[in-house]
Amino acid sequence: MSDSKQAYTVYIVRCSDATLYTGIAKDITARIHEHNHSPRGARYTKSRRPVELVYQEGARDRSAAQRREYQLRRLSRPEKEKLFTQ
């Protein structure tokens, strides 16, 4: 992920209740910290802490990241799990 062309990260986290949450971030480390510790974490994950990063991929810009996030959100749970259990 250190490639400078990858300005955004599309990610999936597993919440404490075993649900999956998909999002995008410029700084994935800071975003995971926000999900787990900050009021700036997503409303969905606030009541499901802690979260664990299970999948990430780079995107060249915000638009590409949002398109990919939309694609991932439309996947079924088994399809999402295939991404990070191979």
N, C-alpha and C. Protein backbone atom coordinates (compact mmCIF):
# COMPACT_ATOMS: atom_id res chain seq x y z
N MET A 1 0.82 -1.18 0.00
CA MET A 1 0.00 0.00 0.00
C MET A 1 0.86 1.25 0.00
N SER A 2 2.14 1.10 -0.04
CA SER A 2 3.02 2.25 0.02
C SER A 2 3.15 2.97 -1.32
N ASP A 3 2.53 2.46 -2.36
CA ASP A 3 2.57 3.09 -3.67
C ASP A 3 1.86 4.45 -3.60
N SER A 4 2.56 5.51 -3.99
CA SER A 4 1.99 6.86 -3.89
C SER A 4 0.77 7.05 -4.78
N LYS A 5 0.57 6.17 -5.76
CA LYS A 5 -0.60 6.26 -6.62
C LYS A 5 -1.86 5.79 -5.91
N GLN A 6 -1.71 5.17 -4.77
CA GLN A 6 -2.84 4.67 -4.01
C GLN A 6 -3.19 5.67 -2.91
N ALA A 7 -3.92 6.72 -3.28
CA ALA A 7 -4.23 7.79 -2.34
C ALA A 7 -5.28 7.41 -1.31
N TYR A 8 -6.14 6.47 -1.64
CA TYR A 8 -7.21 6.04 -0.72
C TYR A 8 -7.14 4.53 -0.53
N THR A 9 -7.70 4.10 0.59
CA THR A 9 -7.81 2.68 0.88
C THR A 9 -9.28 2.33 1.06
N VAL A 10 -9.70 1.26 0.41
CA VAL A 10 -11.03 0.69 0.61
C VAL A 10 -10.80 -0.47 1.58
N TYR A 11 -11.63 -0.55 2.61
CA TYR A 11 -11.36 -1.55 3.64
C TYR A 11 -12.63 -2.22 4.15
N ILE A 12 -12.43 -3.37 4.76
CA ILE A 12 -13.51 -4.08 5.46
C ILE A 12 -13.00 -4.38 6.86
N VAL A 13 -13.83 -4.09 7.86
CA VAL A 13 -13.51 -4.46 9.23
C VAL A 13 -14.56 -5.45 9.74
N ARG A 14 -14.12 -6.31 10.64
CA ARG A 14 -15.03 -7.21 11.33
C ARG A 14 -15.29 -6.60 12.70
N CYS A 15 -16.55 -6.39 13.01
CA CYS A 15 -16.95 -5.81 14.29
C CYS A 15 -17.02 -6.90 15.36
N SER A 16 -17.13 -6.48 16.61
CA SER A 16 -17.15 -7.43 17.73
C SER A 16 -18.35 -8.36 17.68
N ASP A 17 -19.42 -7.96 16.99
CA ASP A 17 -20.59 -8.84 16.85
C ASP A 17 -20.52 -9.68 15.58
N ALA A 18 -19.34 -9.72 14.94
CA ALA A 18 -19.04 -10.52 13.74
C ALA A 18 -19.64 -9.95 12.46
N THR A 19 -20.27 -8.77 12.52
CA THR A 19 -20.74 -8.14 11.29
C THR A 19 -19.56 -7.50 10.57
N LEU A 20 -19.76 -7.20 9.29
CA LEU A 20 -18.72 -6.59 8.49
C LEU A 20 -19.13 -5.18 8.11
N TYR A 21 -18.15 -4.27 8.13
CA TYR A 21 -18.37 -2.88 7.77
C TYR A 21 -17.36 -2.52 6.69
N THR A 22 -17.81 -1.85 5.64
CA THR A 22 -16.95 -1.45 4.53
C THR A 22 -16.86 0.07 4.49
N GLY A 23 -15.65 0.59 4.25
CA GLY A 23 -15.47 2.03 4.18
C GLY A 23 -14.25 2.40 3.36
N ILE A 24 -13.97 3.71 3.29
CA ILE A 24 -12.78 4.21 2.60
C ILE A 24 -12.05 5.15 3.55
N ALA A 25 -10.74 5.29 3.32
CA ALA A 25 -9.93 6.17 4.16
C ALA A 25 -8.68 6.60 3.42
N LYS A 26 -8.18 7.77 3.76
CA LYS A 26 -6.87 8.22 3.27
C LYS A 26 -5.77 7.62 4.12
N ASP A 27 -5.99 7.55 5.42
CA ASP A 27 -5.01 6.99 6.36
C ASP A 27 -5.69 5.85 7.11
N ILE A 28 -5.46 4.62 6.66
CA ILE A 28 -6.16 3.46 7.21
C ILE A 28 -5.86 3.25 8.69
N THR A 29 -4.63 3.48 9.10
CA THR A 29 -4.27 3.29 10.51
C THR A 29 -5.06 4.25 11.40
N ALA A 30 -5.12 5.51 11.00
CA ALA A 30 -5.88 6.49 11.77
C ALA A 30 -7.37 6.16 11.76
N ARG A 31 -7.87 5.69 10.63
CA ARG A 31 -9.30 5.40 10.54
C ARG A 31 -9.69 4.23 11.44
N ILE A 32 -8.88 3.19 11.48
CA ILE A 32 -9.17 2.05 12.36
C ILE A 32 -9.14 2.52 13.81
N HIS A 33 -8.18 3.37 14.14
CA HIS A 33 -8.12 3.93 15.50
C HIS A 33 -9.41 4.71 15.80
N GLU A 34 -9.89 5.50 14.85
CA GLU A 34 -11.14 6.23 15.04
C GLU A 34 -12.31 5.28 15.28
N HIS A 35 -12.38 4.21 14.49
CA HIS A 35 -13.46 3.24 14.67
C HIS A 35 -13.44 2.66 16.08
N ASN A 36 -12.26 2.44 16.62
CA ASN A 36 -12.14 1.78 17.92
C ASN A 36 -12.14 2.71 19.12
N HIS A 37 -11.74 3.97 18.94
CA HIS A 37 -11.52 4.82 20.11
C HIS A 37 -12.14 6.22 20.06
N SER A 38 -12.52 6.68 18.93
CA SER A 38 -12.90 8.08 18.78
C SER A 38 -14.40 8.26 18.53
N PRO A 39 -14.93 9.41 18.91
CA PRO A 39 -16.31 9.73 18.54
C PRO A 39 -16.47 9.93 17.02
N ARG A 40 -15.35 10.05 16.31
CA ARG A 40 -15.39 10.24 14.85
C ARG A 40 -15.54 8.93 14.09
N GLY A 41 -15.54 7.81 14.79
CA GLY A 41 -15.76 6.53 14.14
C GLY A 41 -17.17 6.48 13.58
N ALA A 42 -17.43 5.59 12.67
CA ALA A 42 -18.76 5.47 12.06
C ALA A 42 -19.80 5.12 13.11
N ARG A 43 -20.98 5.65 12.95
CA ARG A 43 -22.07 5.37 13.88
C ARG A 43 -22.29 3.86 14.01
N TYR A 44 -22.21 3.16 12.89
CA TYR A 44 -22.44 1.71 12.90
C TYR A 44 -21.44 0.99 13.80
N THR A 45 -20.19 1.38 13.74
CA THR A 45 -19.16 0.64 14.49
C THR A 45 -19.05 1.07 15.95
N LYS A 46 -19.58 2.22 16.31
CA LYS A 46 -19.44 2.71 17.69
C LYS A 46 -19.99 1.73 18.72
N SER A 47 -21.09 1.09 18.40
CA SER A 47 -21.70 0.15 19.35
C SER A 47 -21.21 -1.28 19.12
N ARG A 48 -20.24 -1.45 18.23
CA ARG A 48 -19.76 -2.79 17.88
C ARG A 48 -18.24 -2.88 18.02
N ARG A 49 -17.69 -2.12 18.93
CA ARG A 49 -16.25 -2.11 19.16
C ARG A 49 -15.82 -3.31 19.97
N PRO A 50 -14.59 -3.77 19.80
CA PRO A 50 -13.58 -3.27 18.86
C PRO A 50 -13.79 -3.84 17.46
N VAL A 51 -13.24 -3.15 16.48
CA VAL A 51 -13.25 -3.65 15.11
C VAL A 51 -11.85 -4.11 14.75
N GLU A 52 -11.80 -5.03 13.80
CA GLU A 52 -10.52 -5.58 13.34
C GLU A 52 -10.46 -5.46 11.82
N LEU A 53 -9.39 -4.89 11.30
CA LEU A 53 -9.20 -4.78 9.87
C LEU A 53 -8.99 -6.17 9.29
N VAL A 54 -9.82 -6.56 8.31
CA VAL A 54 -9.69 -7.89 7.71
C VAL A 54 -9.35 -7.82 6.22
N TYR A 55 -9.56 -6.65 5.58
CA TYR A 55 -9.28 -6.54 4.15
C TYR A 55 -9.03 -5.08 3.80
N GLN A 56 -8.08 -4.86 2.89
CA GLN A 56 -7.84 -3.52 2.37
C GLN A 56 -7.28 -3.59 0.96
N GLU A 57 -7.60 -2.58 0.17
CA GLU A 57 -7.03 -2.45 -1.17
C GLU A 57 -6.93 -0.97 -1.50
N GLY A 58 -5.98 -0.63 -2.34
CA GLY A 58 -5.75 0.76 -2.69
C GLY A 58 -6.64 1.24 -3.81
N ALA A 59 -6.86 2.55 -3.84
CA ALA A 59 -7.60 3.21 -4.92
C ALA A 59 -6.87 4.51 -5.24
N ARG A 60 -6.84 4.89 -6.50
CA ARG A 60 -6.04 6.04 -6.93
C ARG A 60 -6.61 7.39 -6.49
N ASP A 61 -7.95 7.45 -6.31
CA ASP A 61 -8.57 8.71 -5.87
C ASP A 61 -9.88 8.41 -5.16
N ARG A 62 -10.50 9.45 -4.62
CA ARG A 62 -11.73 9.26 -3.84
C ARG A 62 -12.85 8.65 -4.68
N SER A 63 -12.97 9.09 -5.91
CA SER A 63 -14.02 8.58 -6.78
C SER A 63 -13.87 7.07 -7.02
N ALA A 64 -12.65 6.65 -7.31
CA ALA A 64 -12.40 5.22 -7.53
C ALA A 64 -12.66 4.43 -6.25
N ALA A 65 -12.28 5.00 -5.11
CA ALA A 65 -12.50 4.34 -3.82
C ALA A 65 -13.99 4.19 -3.55
N GLN A 66 -14.77 5.21 -3.83
CA GLN A 66 -16.21 5.14 -3.59
C GLN A 66 -16.88 4.13 -4.51
N ARG A 67 -16.43 4.06 -5.76
CA ARG A 67 -16.99 3.06 -6.68
C ARG A 67 -16.70 1.65 -6.18
N ARG A 68 -15.47 1.43 -5.75
CA ARG A 68 -15.10 0.10 -5.26
C ARG A 68 -15.82 -0.23 -3.96
N GLU A 69 -15.96 0.75 -3.09
CA GLU A 69 -16.70 0.55 -1.84
C GLU A 69 -18.14 0.11 -2.16
N TYR A 70 -18.76 0.76 -3.12
CA TYR A 70 -20.12 0.41 -3.52
C TYR A 70 -20.17 -1.04 -4.02
N GLN A 71 -19.19 -1.43 -4.83
CA GLN A 71 -19.15 -2.81 -5.33
C GLN A 71 -19.02 -3.81 -4.18
N LEU A 72 -18.14 -3.52 -3.23
CA LEU A 72 -17.93 -4.42 -2.10
C LEU A 72 -19.17 -4.51 -1.23
N ARG A 73 -19.84 -3.41 -1.01
CA ARG A 73 -21.05 -3.43 -0.18
C ARG A 73 -22.16 -4.27 -0.79
N ARG A 74 -22.17 -4.38 -2.10
CA ARG A 74 -23.20 -5.17 -2.77
C ARG A 74 -22.92 -6.66 -2.73
N LEU A 75 -21.71 -7.06 -2.37
CA LEU A 75 -21.37 -8.48 -2.29
C LEU A 75 -22.08 -9.13 -1.11
N SER A 76 -22.36 -10.41 -1.26
CA SER A 76 -22.92 -11.16 -0.14
C SER A 76 -21.81 -11.38 0.89
N ARG A 77 -22.19 -11.75 2.09
CA ARG A 77 -21.19 -12.01 3.12
C ARG A 77 -20.19 -13.08 2.69
N PRO A 78 -20.65 -14.22 2.16
CA PRO A 78 -19.67 -15.23 1.71
C PRO A 78 -18.71 -14.70 0.63
N GLU A 79 -19.20 -13.86 -0.26
CA GLU A 79 -18.34 -13.27 -1.28
C GLU A 79 -17.30 -12.35 -0.66
N LYS A 80 -17.72 -11.57 0.34
CA LYS A 80 -16.76 -10.69 1.03
C LYS A 80 -15.72 -11.53 1.76
N GLU A 81 -16.16 -12.58 2.43
CA GLU A 81 -15.23 -13.42 3.19
C GLU A 81 -14.19 -14.08 2.29
N LYS A 82 -14.58 -14.39 1.05
CA LYS A 82 -13.61 -14.96 0.10
C LYS A 82 -12.44 -14.01 -0.14
N LEU A 83 -12.70 -12.72 -0.07
CA LEU A 83 -11.64 -11.72 -0.30
C LEU A 83 -10.53 -11.82 0.74
N PHE A 84 -10.90 -12.14 1.98
CA PHE A 84 -9.90 -12.10 3.06
C PHE A 84 -9.64 -13.44 3.73
N THR A 85 -10.16 -14.52 3.21
CA THR A 85 -9.89 -15.83 3.80
C THR A 85 -9.16 -16.76 2.85
N GLN A 86 -8.66 -16.23 1.77
CA GLN A 86 -7.95 -17.08 0.81
C GLN A 86 -6.57 -17.40 1.28
